[in-house]
Amino acid sequence: MLTIDMTYASHKELTDMLARYSSLFGTVTQVKVHPTPSPPTMRPFALITMGSRQEAEKLAVAFGGRMIGRAVMVVLQELEHASAPMQGRAAGST
């Protein structure tokens, strides 16, 4: 699970932020963010495709994601807000 501030970020900003964090584990080839999936009982998630299966495994271990080939499904958890927005902050959790 990845805890991230989704409130004040655009879809592109979320995608770029996830690509930056994921690039720590290898080559990112695609990021698809689903911040409000249907039905509403589902949690927000991202599908992040890496350059190799080994890189995907590293990303999956770091964020507790599930692998589908070279893609990793990472559940997104909304960052709990203090008094001010903390745009661009994220934290991994397993």
Protein backbone atom coordinates (compact mmCIF):
# COMPACT_ATOMS: atom_id res chain seq x y z
CA MET A 1 0.00 0.00 0.00
CA LEU A 2 1.19 3.48 -0.80
CA THR A 3 -0.02 6.41 1.31
CA ILE A 4 -0.28 9.48 -0.88
CA ASP A 5 -1.98 12.89 -0.87
CA MET A 6 -4.53 12.69 -3.68
CA THR A 7 -6.69 15.63 -2.58
CA TYR A 8 -4.77 18.51 -4.11
CA ALA A 9 -3.05 16.77 -7.02
CA SER A 10 -4.29 16.50 -10.58
CA HIS A 11 -4.39 13.15 -12.35
CA LYS A 12 -1.17 14.02 -14.21
CA GLU A 13 0.57 15.06 -10.97
CA LEU A 14 -0.42 11.75 -9.34
CA THR A 15 0.82 9.81 -12.35
CA ASP A 16 4.13 11.72 -12.40
CA MET A 17 4.61 11.31 -8.65
CA LEU A 18 4.00 7.54 -8.82
CA ALA A 19 6.39 7.26 -11.78
CA ARG A 20 9.11 9.05 -9.78
CA TYR A 21 8.70 6.79 -6.73
CA SER A 22 8.54 3.66 -8.88
CA SER A 23 11.66 4.64 -10.84
CA LEU A 24 13.66 3.99 -7.67
CA PHE A 25 13.10 0.29 -8.44
CA GLY A 26 13.88 0.34 -12.17
CA THR A 27 12.54 1.51 -15.51
CA VAL A 28 8.89 2.59 -15.44
CA THR A 29 7.16 2.04 -18.78
CA GLN A 30 3.58 2.99 -17.85
CA VAL A 31 1.53 4.30 -14.93
CA LYS A 32 -2.27 4.21 -14.83
CA VAL A 33 -3.92 5.78 -11.80
CA HIS A 34 -7.46 4.89 -10.76
CA PRO A 35 -8.16 7.39 -7.93
CA THR A 36 -11.93 6.79 -7.84
CA PRO A 37 -12.63 3.26 -9.06
CA SER A 38 -16.14 1.85 -9.52
CA PRO A 39 -17.90 0.61 -7.49
CA PRO A 40 -17.16 3.16 -4.77
CA THR A 41 -16.46 0.38 -2.25
CA MET A 42 -13.19 -0.35 -4.06
CA ARG A 43 -9.99 1.39 -2.97
CA PRO A 44 -8.02 3.73 -5.22
CA PHE A 45 -5.15 1.98 -6.99
CA ALA A 46 -2.47 2.34 -9.64
CA LEU A 47 -1.17 -0.09 -12.24
CA ILE A 48 2.54 0.49 -12.71
CA THR A 49 4.35 -1.37 -15.49
CA MET A 50 8.08 -1.84 -15.11
CA GLY A 51 10.79 -2.65 -17.67
CA SER A 52 11.42 -6.17 -16.36
CA ARG A 53 9.78 -8.76 -14.13
CA GLN A 54 12.62 -8.39 -11.61
CA GLU A 55 11.99 -4.64 -11.31
CA ALA A 56 8.26 -5.32 -10.90
CA GLU A 57 9.03 -7.79 -8.10
CA LYS A 58 11.08 -5.14 -6.26
CA LEU A 59 8.24 -2.61 -6.57
CA ALA A 60 5.65 -5.17 -5.46
CA VAL A 61 7.67 -6.05 -2.36
CA ALA A 62 8.26 -2.39 -1.46
CA PHE A 63 4.59 -1.38 -1.62
CA GLY A 64 2.80 -4.67 -0.97
CA GLY A 65 1.46 -4.76 -4.50
CA ARG A 66 0.27 -7.66 -6.61
CA MET A 67 2.05 -8.54 -9.83
CA ILE A 68 0.47 -9.20 -13.22
CA GLY A 69 3.43 -9.95 -15.50
CA ARG A 70 5.58 -6.79 -15.40
CA ALA A 71 2.71 -4.70 -13.99
CA VAL A 72 2.16 -4.10 -10.29
CA MET A 73 -1.19 -3.15 -8.78
CA VAL A 74 -0.54 -0.82 -5.85
CA VAL A 75 -3.40 0.14 -3.52
CA LEU A 76 -3.42 3.86 -2.75
CA GLN A 77 -4.26 5.12 0.73
CA GLU A 78 -5.25 8.76 1.19
CA LEU A 79 -2.79 10.68 3.37
CA GLU A 80 -4.39 11.88 6.61
CA HIS A 81 -4.31 15.67 6.57
CA ALA A 82 -3.07 17.85 9.36
CA SER A 83 -3.96 21.53 9.16
CA ALA A 84 -2.24 22.19 5.83
CA PRO A 85 -2.06 20.18 2.59
CA MET A 86 1.12 18.13 2.05
CA GLN A 87 1.13 17.83 -1.70
CA GLY A 88 3.64 15.45 -3.21
CA ARG A 89 4.25 13.39 -0.06
CA ALA A 90 4.01 9.64 -0.07
CA ALA A 91 5.02 6.76 2.14
CA GLY A 92 5.25 3.03 1.50
CA SER A 93 3.65 0.47 3.74
CA THR A 94 3.42 -3.29 3.68
